[in-house]
Each structure stands twice: as structure tokens, then as C-alpha cells.
PDB file of N, CA and C in Angstrom:
ATOM      1  N   ALA A   1      -8.521   2.264 -20.346  1.00  0.00           N
ATOM      2  CA  ALA A   1      -8.611   3.683 -20.628  1.00  0.00           C
ATOM      3  C   ALA A   1      -9.994   4.175 -20.255  1.00  0.00           C
ATOM      4  N   GLY A   2     -10.084   5.384 -19.802  1.00  0.00           N
ATOM      5  CA  GLY A   2     -11.383   5.913 -19.429  1.00  0.00           C
ATOM      6  C   GLY A   2     -11.298   7.379 -19.074  1.00  0.00           C
ATOM      7  N   GLU A   3     -12.396   7.893 -18.545  1.00  0.00           N
ATOM      8  CA  GLU A   3     -12.442   9.285 -18.134  1.00  0.00           C
ATOM      9  C   GLU A   3     -13.286   9.396 -16.883  1.00  0.00           C
ATOM     10  N   THR A   4     -13.020  10.438 -16.107  1.00  0.00           N
ATOM     11  CA  THR A   4     -13.771  10.686 -14.884  1.00  0.00           C
ATOM     12  C   THR A   4     -14.591  11.948 -15.062  1.00  0.00           C
ATOM     13  N   ARG A   5     -15.844  11.862 -14.692  1.00  0.00           N
ATOM     14  CA  ARG A   5     -16.726  13.034 -14.713  1.00  0.00           C
ATOM     15  C   ARG A   5     -17.073  13.348 -13.265  1.00  0.00           C
ATOM     16  N   ARG A   6     -16.271  14.179 -12.653  1.00  0.00           N
ATOM     17  CA  ARG A   6     -16.397  14.427 -11.222  1.00  0.00           C
ATOM     18  C   ARG A   6     -17.751  15.021 -10.838  1.00  0.00           C
ATOM     19  N   ARG A   7     -18.296  15.884 -11.678  1.00  0.00           N
ATOM     20  CA  ARG A   7     -19.583  16.488 -11.334  1.00  0.00           C
ATOM     21  C   ARG A   7     -20.685  15.444 -11.259  1.00  0.00           C
ATOM     22  N   GLU A   8     -20.550  14.389 -12.019  1.00  0.00           N
ATOM     23  CA  GLU A   8     -21.547  13.324 -12.009  1.00  0.00           C
ATOM     24  C   GLU A   8     -21.178  12.215 -11.030  1.00  0.00           C
ATOM     25  N   ASN A   9     -20.004  12.294 -10.413  1.00  0.00           N
ATOM     26  CA  ASN A   9     -19.520  11.249  -9.509  1.00  0.00           C
ATOM     27  C   ASN A   9     -19.479   9.884 -10.167  1.00  0.00           C
ATOM     28  N   VAL A  10     -19.117   9.876 -11.440  1.00  0.00           N
ATOM     29  CA  VAL A  10     -19.047   8.612 -12.170  1.00  0.00           C
ATOM     30  C   VAL A  10     -17.825   8.636 -13.082  1.00  0.00           C
ATOM     31  N   ALA A  11     -17.183   7.496 -13.189  1.00  0.00           N
ATOM     32  CA  ALA A  11     -16.093   7.330 -14.151  1.00  0.00           C
ATOM     33  C   ALA A  11     -16.592   6.406 -15.251  1.00  0.00           C
ATOM     34  N   TRP A  12     -16.063   6.602 -16.443  1.00  0.00           N
ATOM     35  CA  TRP A  12     -16.425   5.752 -17.578  1.00  0.00           C
ATOM     36  C   TRP A  12     -15.218   4.929 -17.986  1.00  0.00           C
ATOM     37  N   ILE A  13     -15.395   3.643 -18.120  1.00  0.00           N
ATOM     38  CA  ILE A  13     -14.374   2.793 -18.720  1.00  0.00           C
ATOM     39  C   ILE A  13     -14.627   2.841 -20.214  1.00  0.00           C
ATOM     40  N   ALA A  14     -13.666   3.381 -20.942  1.00  0.00           N
ATOM     41  CA  ALA A  14     -13.859   3.583 -22.378  1.00  0.00           C
ATOM     42  C   ALA A  14     -13.754   2.277 -23.154  1.00  0.00           C
ATOM     43  N   THR A  15     -12.769   1.450 -22.820  1.00  0.00           N
ATOM     44  CA  THR A  15     -12.556   0.225 -23.584  1.00  0.00           C
ATOM     45  C   THR A  15     -11.953  -0.862 -22.714  1.00  0.00           C
ATOM     46  N   ILE A  16     -12.513  -2.043 -22.821  1.00  0.00           N
ATOM     47  CA  ILE A  16     -11.911  -3.267 -22.274  1.00  0.00           C
ATOM     48  C   ILE A  16     -11.909  -4.249 -23.431  1.00  0.00           C
ATOM     49  N   ALA A  17     -10.745  -4.740 -23.794  1.00  0.00           N
ATOM     50  CA  ALA A  17     -10.674  -5.688 -24.907  1.00  0.00           C
ATOM     51  C   ALA A  17      -9.596  -6.728 -24.635  1.00  0.00           C
ATOM     52  N   VAL A  18      -9.900  -7.956 -24.994  1.00  0.00           N
ATOM     53  CA  VAL A  18      -8.949  -9.058 -24.869  1.00  0.00           C
ATOM     54  C   VAL A  18      -8.921  -9.787 -26.210  1.00  0.00           C
ATOM     55  N   HIS A  19      -7.745 -10.032 -26.717  1.00  0.00           N
ATOM     56  CA  HIS A  19      -7.584 -10.755 -27.983  1.00  0.00           C
ATOM     57  C   HIS A  19      -8.278 -12.112 -27.875  1.00  0.00           C
ATOM     58  N   PRO A  20      -8.971 -12.548 -28.924  1.00  0.00           N
ATOM     59  CA  PRO A  20      -9.700 -13.828 -28.878  1.00  0.00           C
ATOM     60  C   PRO A  20      -8.856 -15.024 -28.426  1.00  0.00           C
ATOM     61  N   ASP A  21      -7.584 -15.045 -28.752  1.00  0.00           N
ATOM     62  CA  ASP A  21      -6.728 -16.168 -28.351  1.00  0.00           C
ATOM     63  C   ASP A  21      -6.514 -16.243 -26.842  1.00  0.00           C
ATOM     64  N   PHE A  22      -6.805 -15.157 -26.130  1.00  0.00           N
ATOM     65  CA  PHE A  22      -6.528 -15.107 -24.697  1.00  0.00           C
ATOM     66  C   PHE A  22      -7.783 -14.941 -23.842  1.00  0.00           C
ATOM     67  N   ARG A  23      -8.942 -15.084 -24.441  1.00  0.00           N
ATOM     68  CA  ARG A  23     -10.197 -14.949 -23.693  1.00  0.00           C
ATOM     69  C   ARG A  23     -10.434 -16.162 -22.804  1.00  0.00           C
ATOM     70  N   ARG A  24     -11.307 -15.970 -21.807  1.00  0.00           N
ATOM     71  CA  ARG A  24     -11.710 -17.004 -20.854  1.00  0.00           C
ATOM     72  C   ARG A  24     -10.542 -17.446 -19.978  1.00  0.00           C
ATOM     73  N   GLN A  25      -9.623 -16.513 -19.734  1.00  0.00           N
ATOM     74  CA  GLN A  25      -8.484 -16.771 -18.855  1.00  0.00           C
ATOM     75  C   GLN A  25      -8.455 -15.798 -17.674  1.00  0.00           C
ATOM     76  N   GLY A  26      -9.515 -15.012 -17.509  1.00  0.00           N
ATOM     77  CA  GLY A  26      -9.588 -14.068 -16.402  1.00  0.00           C
ATOM     78  C   GLY A  26      -8.941 -12.718 -16.669  1.00  0.00           C
ATOM     79  N   ILE A  27      -8.515 -12.493 -17.896  1.00  0.00           N
ATOM     80  CA  ILE A  27      -7.825 -11.240 -18.213  1.00  0.00           C
ATOM     81  C   ILE A  27      -8.779 -10.050 -18.134  1.00  0.00           C
ATOM     82  N   ALA A  28      -9.969 -10.171 -18.683  1.00  0.00           N
ATOM     83  CA  ALA A  28     -10.939  -9.064 -18.623  1.00  0.00           C
ATOM     84  C   ALA A  28     -11.293  -8.743 -17.176  1.00  0.00           C
ATOM     85  N   SER A  29     -11.465  -9.763 -16.349  1.00  0.00           N
ATOM     86  CA  SER A  29     -11.746  -9.524 -14.928  1.00  0.00           C
ATOM     87  C   SER A  29     -10.589  -8.808 -14.253  1.00  0.00           C
ATOM     88  N   ALA A  30      -9.365  -9.205 -14.587  1.00  0.00           N
ATOM     89  CA  ALA A  30      -8.192  -8.543 -14.010  1.00  0.00           C
ATOM     90  C   ALA A  30      -8.129  -7.079 -14.441  1.00  0.00           C
ATOM     91  N   LEU A  31      -8.430  -6.807 -15.703  1.00  0.00           N
ATOM     92  CA  LEU A  31      -8.446  -5.422 -16.180  1.00  0.00           C
ATOM     93  C   LEU A  31      -9.513  -4.606 -15.457  1.00  0.00           C
ATOM     94  N   LEU A  32     -10.694  -5.189 -15.266  1.00  0.00           N
ATOM     95  CA  LEU A  32     -11.752  -4.493 -14.528  1.00  0.00           C
ATOM     96  C   LEU A  32     -11.331  -4.255 -13.083  1.00  0.00           C
ATOM     97  N   ASP A  33     -10.690  -5.249 -12.461  1.00  0.00           N
ATOM     98  CA  ASP A  33     -10.209  -5.081 -11.082  1.00  0.00           C
ATOM     99  C   ASP A  33      -9.291  -3.875 -10.971  1.00  0.00           C
ATOM    100  N   ILE A  34      -8.361  -3.759 -11.909  1.00  0.00           N
ATOM    101  CA  ILE A  34      -7.414  -2.640 -11.882  1.00  0.00           C
ATOM    102  C   ILE A  34      -8.143  -1.314 -12.069  1.00  0.00           C
ATOM    103  N   CYS A  35      -9.014  -1.241 -13.059  1.00  0.00           N
ATOM    104  CA  CYS A  35      -9.777  -0.003 -13.285  1.00  0.00           C
ATOM    105  C   CYS A  35     -10.570   0.378 -12.046  1.00  0.00           C
ATOM    106  N   GLU A  36     -11.314  -0.564 -11.499  1.00  0.00           N
ATOM    107  CA  GLU A  36     -12.174  -0.278 -10.350  1.00  0.00           C
ATOM    108  C   GLU A  36     -11.361   0.131  -9.127  1.00  0.00           C
ATOM    109  N   SER A  37     -10.192  -0.477  -8.914  1.00  0.00           N
ATOM    110  CA  SER A  37      -9.392  -0.157  -7.732  1.00  0.00           C
ATOM    111  C   SER A  37      -8.726   1.215  -7.834  1.00  0.00           C
ATOM    112  N   GLU A  38      -8.508   1.708  -9.038  1.00  0.00           N
ATOM    113  CA  GLU A  38      -7.851   3.000  -9.239  1.00  0.00           C
ATOM    114  C   GLU A  38      -8.821   4.178  -9.233  1.00  0.00           C
ATOM    115  N   LEU A  39     -10.094   3.916  -9.398  1.00  0.00           N
ATOM    116  CA  LEU A  39     -11.070   4.997  -9.509  1.00  0.00           C
ATOM    117  C   LEU A  39     -11.351   5.630  -8.159  1.00  0.00           C
ATOM    118  N   LYS A  40     -11.578   6.917  -8.182  1.00  0.00           N
ATOM    119  CA  LYS A  40     -11.880   7.673  -6.961  1.00  0.00           C
ATOM    120  C   LYS A  40     -13.301   8.224  -7.014  1.00  0.00           C
ATOM    121  N   THR A  41     -14.160   7.574  -7.781  1.00  0.00           N
ATOM    122  CA  THR A  41     -15.551   7.995  -7.907  1.00  0.00           C
ATOM    123  C   THR A  41     -16.448   6.910  -7.322  1.00  0.00           C
ATOM    124  N   PRO A  42     -17.644   7.288  -6.874  1.00  0.00           N
ATOM    125  CA  PRO A  42     -18.547   6.304  -6.277  1.00  0.00           C
ATOM    126  C   PRO A  42     -19.041   5.236  -7.241  1.00  0.00           C
ATOM    127  N   SER A  43     -19.067   5.544  -8.528  1.00  0.00           N
ATOM    128  CA  SER A  43     -19.585   4.553  -9.470  1.00  0.00           C
ATOM    129  C   SER A  43     -18.812   4.600 -10.778  1.00  0.00           C
ATOM    130  N   VAL A  44     -18.967   3.528 -11.534  1.00  0.00           N
ATOM    131  CA  VAL A  44     -18.301   3.406 -12.826  1.00  0.00           C
ATOM    132  C   VAL A  44     -19.322   2.936 -13.848  1.00  0.00           C
ATOM    133  N   ARG A  45     -19.192   3.444 -15.058  1.00  0.00           N
ATOM    134  CA  ARG A  45     -20.073   3.040 -16.159  1.00  0.00           C
ATOM    135  C   ARG A  45     -19.238   2.578 -17.340  1.00  0.00           C
ATOM    136  N   LEU A  46     -19.883   1.792 -18.179  1.00  0.00           N
ATOM    137  CA  LEU A  46     -19.275   1.369 -19.437  1.00  0.00           C
ATOM    138  C   LEU A  46     -20.380   1.079 -20.424  1.00  0.00           C
ATOM    139  N   THR A  47     -20.011   1.037 -21.680  1.00  0.00           N
ATOM    140  CA  THR A  47     -20.963   0.734 -22.744  1.00  0.00           C
ATOM    141  C   THR A  47     -20.500  -0.516 -23.458  1.00  0.00           C
ATOM    142  N   VAL A  48     -21.457  -1.380 -23.774  1.00  0.00           N
ATOM    143  CA  VAL A  48     -21.159  -2.643 -24.446  1.00  0.00           C
ATOM    144  C   VAL A  48     -22.170  -2.847 -25.570  1.00  0.00           C
ATOM    145  N   ARG A  49     -21.714  -3.478 -26.643  1.00  0.00           N
ATOM    146  CA  ARG A  49     -22.638  -3.803 -27.740  1.00  0.00           C
ATOM    147  C   ARG A  49     -23.732  -4.735 -27.222  1.00  0.00           C
ATOM    148  N   LYS A  50     -24.954  -4.511 -27.673  1.00  0.00           N
ATOM    149  CA  LYS A  50     -26.061  -5.343 -27.191  1.00  0.00           C
ATOM    150  C   LYS A  50     -25.917  -6.798 -27.613  1.00  0.00           C
ATOM    151  N   THR A  51     -25.116  -7.068 -28.651  1.00  0.00           N
ATOM    152  CA  THR A  51     -24.909  -8.449 -29.105  1.00  0.00           C
ATOM    153  C   THR A  51     -23.715  -9.122 -28.435  1.00  0.00           C
ATOM    154  N   ASN A  52     -22.980  -8.405 -27.604  1.00  0.00           N
ATOM    155  CA  ASN A  52     -21.799  -8.975 -26.952  1.00  0.00           C
ATOM    156  C   ASN A  52     -22.225  -9.671 -25.659  1.00  0.00           C
ATOM    157  N   THR A  53     -22.861 -10.814 -25.818  1.00  0.00           N
ATOM    158  CA  THR A  53     -23.458 -11.510 -24.677  1.00  0.00           C
ATOM    159  C   THR A  53     -22.421 -11.998 -23.670  1.00  0.00           C
ATOM    160  N   GLU A  54     -21.234 -12.371 -24.131  1.00  0.00           N
ATOM    161  CA  GLU A  54     -20.202 -12.818 -23.188  1.00  0.00           C
ATOM    162  C   GLU A  54     -19.771 -11.680 -22.270  1.00  0.00           C
ATOM    163  N   ALA A  55     -19.570 -10.493 -22.831  1.00  0.00           N
ATOM    164  CA  ALA A  55     -19.178  -9.348 -22.015  1.00  0.00           C
ATOM    165  C   ALA A  55     -20.311  -8.950 -21.075  1.00  0.00           C
ATOM    166  N   ILE A  56     -21.533  -8.957 -21.567  1.00  0.00           N
ATOM    167  CA  ILE A  56     -22.682  -8.613 -20.725  1.00  0.00           C
ATOM    168  C   ILE A  56     -22.771  -9.567 -19.541  1.00  0.00           C
ATOM    169  N   GLN A  57     -22.589 -10.839 -19.783  1.00  0.00           N
ATOM    170  CA  GLN A  57     -22.622 -11.831 -18.704  1.00  0.00           C
ATOM    171  C   GLN A  57     -21.521 -11.543 -17.677  1.00  0.00           C
ATOM    172  N   LEU A  58     -20.322 -11.233 -18.147  1.00  0.00           N
ATOM    173  CA  LEU A  58     -19.215 -10.906 -17.244  1.00  0.00           C
ATOM    174  C   LEU A  58     -19.559  -9.693 -16.390  1.00  0.00           C
ATOM    175  N   TYR A  59     -20.037  -8.624 -17.017  1.00  0.00           N
ATOM    176  CA  TYR A  59     -20.345  -7.408 -16.268  1.00  0.00           C
ATOM    177  C   TYR A  59     -21.436  -7.659 -15.230  1.00  0.00           C
ATOM    178  N   GLU A  60     -22.462  -8.392 -15.597  1.00  0.00           N
ATOM    179  CA  GLU A  60     -23.534  -8.680 -14.643  1.00  0.00           C
ATOM    180  C   GLU A  60     -23.027  -9.535 -13.484  1.00  0.00           C
ATOM    181  N   GLN A  61     -22.172 -10.496 -13.759  1.00  0.00           N
ATOM    182  CA  GLN A  61     -21.595 -11.323 -12.694  1.00  0.00           C
ATOM    183  C   GLN A  61     -20.743 -10.485 -11.742  1.00  0.00           C
ATOM    184  N   ARG A  62     -20.187  -9.412 -12.240  1.00  0.00           N
ATOM    185  CA  ARG A  62     -19.318  -8.553 -11.437  1.00  0.00           C
ATOM    186  C   ARG A  62     -20.077  -7.411 -10.757  1.00  0.00           C
ATOM    187  N   GLY A  63     -21.404  -7.422 -10.834  1.00  0.00           N
ATOM    188  CA  GLY A  63     -22.201  -6.443 -10.110  1.00  0.00           C
ATOM    189  C   GLY A  63     -22.632  -5.220 -10.895  1.00  0.00           C
ATOM    190  N   TYR A  64     -22.402  -5.212 -12.190  1.00  0.00           N
ATOM    191  CA  TYR A  64     -22.878  -4.114 -13.033  1.00  0.00           C
ATOM    192  C   TYR A  64     -24.352  -4.339 -13.354  1.00  0.00           C
ATOM    193  N   HIS A  65     -25.107  -3.247 -13.454  1.00  0.00           N
ATOM    194  CA  HIS A  65     -26.516  -3.368 -13.829  1.00  0.00           C
ATOM    195  C   HIS A  65     -26.842  -2.368 -14.943  1.00  0.00           C
ATOM    196  N   LEU A  66     -27.803  -2.728 -15.750  1.00  0.00           N
ATOM    197  CA  LEU A  66     -28.210  -1.924 -16.900  1.00  0.00           C
ATOM    198  C   LEU A  66     -28.844  -0.622 -16.432  1.00  0.00           C
ATOM    199  N   VAL A  67     -28.362   0.501 -16.995  1.00  0.00           N
ATOM    200  CA  VAL A  67     -28.938   1.800 -16.639  1.00  0.00           C
ATOM    201  C   VAL A  67     -29.434   2.582 -17.845  1.00  0.00           C
ATOM    202  N   GLY A  68     -29.151   2.099 -19.053  1.00  0.00           N
ATOM    203  CA  GLY A  68     -29.625   2.824 -20.225  1.00  0.00           C
ATOM    204  C   GLY A  68     -29.193   2.184 -21.526  1.00  0.00           C
ATOM    205  N   ILE A  69     -29.749   2.730 -22.596  1.00  0.00           N
ATOM    206  CA  ILE A  69     -29.430   2.264 -23.943  1.00  0.00           C
ATOM    207  C   ILE A  69     -29.111   3.490 -24.791  1.00  0.00           C
ATOM    208  N   MET A  70     -28.041   3.409 -25.550  1.00  0.00           N
ATOM    209  CA  MET A  70     -27.692   4.466 -26.497  1.00  0.00           C
ATOM    210  C   MET A  70     -27.970   3.917 -27.890  1.00  0.00           C
ATOM    211  N   ARG A  71     -29.030   4.393 -28.491  1.00  0.00           N
ATOM    212  CA  ARG A  71     -29.463   3.907 -29.800  1.00  0.00           C
ATOM    213  C   ARG A  71     -28.417   4.200 -30.871  1.00  0.00           C
ATOM    214  N   GLU A  72     -28.130   3.195 -31.682  1.00  0.00           N
ATOM    215  CA  GLU A  72     -27.207   3.323 -32.816  1.00  0.00           C
ATOM    216  C   GLU A  72     -25.877   3.958 -32.398  1.00  0.00           C
ATOM    217  N   TYR A  73     -25.370   3.544 -31.259  1.00  0.00           N
ATOM    218  CA  TYR A  73     -24.151   4.110 -30.680  1.00  0.00           C
ATOM    219  C   TYR A  73     -22.896   3.773 -31.483  1.00  0.00           C
ATOM    220  N   TYR A  74     -22.832   2.565 -31.983  1.00  0.00           N
ATOM    221  CA  TYR A  74     -21.643   2.105 -32.699  1.00  0.00           C
ATOM    222  C   TYR A  74     -21.734   2.442 -34.188  1.00  0.00           C
ATOM    223  N   GLY A  75     -20.600   2.466 -34.857  1.00  0.00           N
ATOM    224  CA  GLY A  75     -20.512   2.855 -36.259  1.00  0.00           C
ATOM    225  C   GLY A  75     -21.384   2.051 -37.196  1.00  0.00           C
ATOM    226  N   ASP A  76     -21.673   0.811 -36.829  1.00  0.00           N
ATOM    227  CA  ASP A  76     -22.543  -0.030 -37.660  1.00  0.00           C
ATOM    228  C   ASP A  76     -24.001   0.074 -37.222  1.00  0.00           C
ATOM    229  N   ASN A  77     -24.304   1.106 -36.427  1.00  0.00           N
ATOM    230  CA  ASN A  77     -25.656   1.416 -35.929  1.00  0.00           C
ATOM    231  C   ASN A  77     -26.173   0.450 -34.877  1.00  0.00           C
ATOM    232  N   GLU A  78     -25.298  -0.360 -34.305  1.00  0.00           N
ATOM    233  CA  GLU A  78     -25.731  -1.237 -33.214  1.00  0.00           C
ATOM    234  C   GLU A  78     -25.898  -0.412 -31.945  1.00  0.00           C
ATOM    235  N   ASP A  79     -26.903  -0.769 -31.146  1.00  0.00           N
ATOM    236  CA  ASP A  79     -27.145  -0.082 -29.884  1.00  0.00           C
ATOM    237  C   ASP A  79     -26.043  -0.396 -28.878  1.00  0.00           C
ATOM    238  N   GLY A  80     -25.762   0.579 -28.024  1.00  0.00           N
ATOM    239  CA  GLY A  80     -24.854   0.385 -26.902  1.00  0.00           C
ATOM    240  C   GLY A  80     -25.665   0.285 -25.623  1.00  0.00           C
ATOM    241  N   ILE A  81     -25.335  -0.684 -24.806  1.00  0.00           N
ATOM    242  CA  ILE A  81     -26.005  -0.870 -23.522  1.00  0.00           C
ATOM    243  C   ILE A  81     -25.103  -0.265 -22.446  1.00  0.00           C
ATOM    244  N   ILE A  82     -25.658   0.613 -21.621  1.00  0.00           N
ATOM    245  CA  ILE A  82     -24.887   1.260 -20.561  1.00  0.00           C
ATOM    246  C   ILE A  82     -25.074   0.464 -19.272  1.00  0.00           C
ATOM    247  N   TYR A  83     -23.951   0.068 -18.692  1.00  0.00           N
ATOM    248  CA  TYR A  83     -23.948  -0.639 -17.413  1.00  0.00           C
ATOM    249  C   TYR A  83     -23.246   0.223 -16.375  1.00  0.00           C
ATOM    250  N   GLU A  84     -23.672   0.081 -15.119  1.00  0.00           N
ATOM    251  CA  GLU A  84     -23.081   0.843 -14.024  1.00  0.00           C
ATOM    252  C   GLU A  84     -22.855  -0.065 -12.829  1.00  0.00           C
ATOM    253  N   LYS A  85     -21.799   0.242 -12.083  1.00  0.00           N
ATOM    254  CA  LYS A  85     -21.511  -0.476 -10.840  1.00  0.00           C
ATOM    255  C   LYS A  85     -21.189   0.547  -9.763  1.00  0.00           C
ATOM    256  N   GLN A  86     -21.788   0.380  -8.587  1.00  0.00           N
ATOM    257  CA  GLN A  86     -21.465   1.219  -7.440  1.00  0.00           C
ATOM    258  C   GLN A  86     -20.189   0.676  -6.814  1.00  0.00           C
ATOM    259  N   LEU A  87     -19.201   1.540  -6.652  1.00  0.00           N
ATOM    260  CA  LEU A  87     -17.940   1.136  -6.039  1.00  0.00           C
ATOM    261  C   LEU A  87     -17.938   1.429  -4.548  1.00  0.00           C
ATOM    262  N   PHE A  88     -18.528   2.567  -4.174  1.00  0.00           N
ATOM    263  CA  PHE A  88     -18.698   2.937  -2.775  1.00  0.00           C
ATOM    264  C   PHE A  88     -19.751   4.025  -2.699  1.00  0.00           C
ATOM    265  N   SER A  89     -20.228   4.311  -1.480  1.00  0.00           N
ATOM    266  CA  SER A  89     -21.287   5.319  -1.304  1.00  0.00           C
ATOM    267  C   SER A  89     -20.709   6.701  -1.136  1.00  0.00           C
TER     268      SER A  89
END
């Protein structure tokens, strides 16, 4: 699920989640592949908890880079890390 902000030429992936019983099977990568292939914007962004090191590692391996921090973004006041990937120019 996500939204497109055409004026900014960026789409946001709102949520990527995989049940713990099914992690490390390539499901998150497959979900990202589908999202990225369907987008018609030059870049995509997402937000991840700063403590979610497994997701951060996945995003970085897939070419996402850190572009910002949203302080106390989550309900428990944890910071959100904003990652972005260029899909095309």
C-alpha cells in the first residue's frame, strides 16, 4: 500500500510487513519488486523504525539510501528513518 505525490515525483510505500513465521524467504523482496515495478514516479520512499535493523539492511541492499529522520514518528515515540531509491531519471 502506498501513495504517489506527483508534484514531488516520489511515491511512498506506506507499509511492508511479513509475518515472523515467513521471514527470510524473500517475501519482502518480492513485495518491494512489485511495488517498484508498478510505480510511475522517478523515486520511491519509505519509513522504517530506527531499531528495525533487518529491514534497514534489506533496504540498503536493494539500493535505498537514508534521506532523513522523522523524530518520534511512531506511536511509541521511536524515530522513523526515511529511505529513498531512484527508480529512473
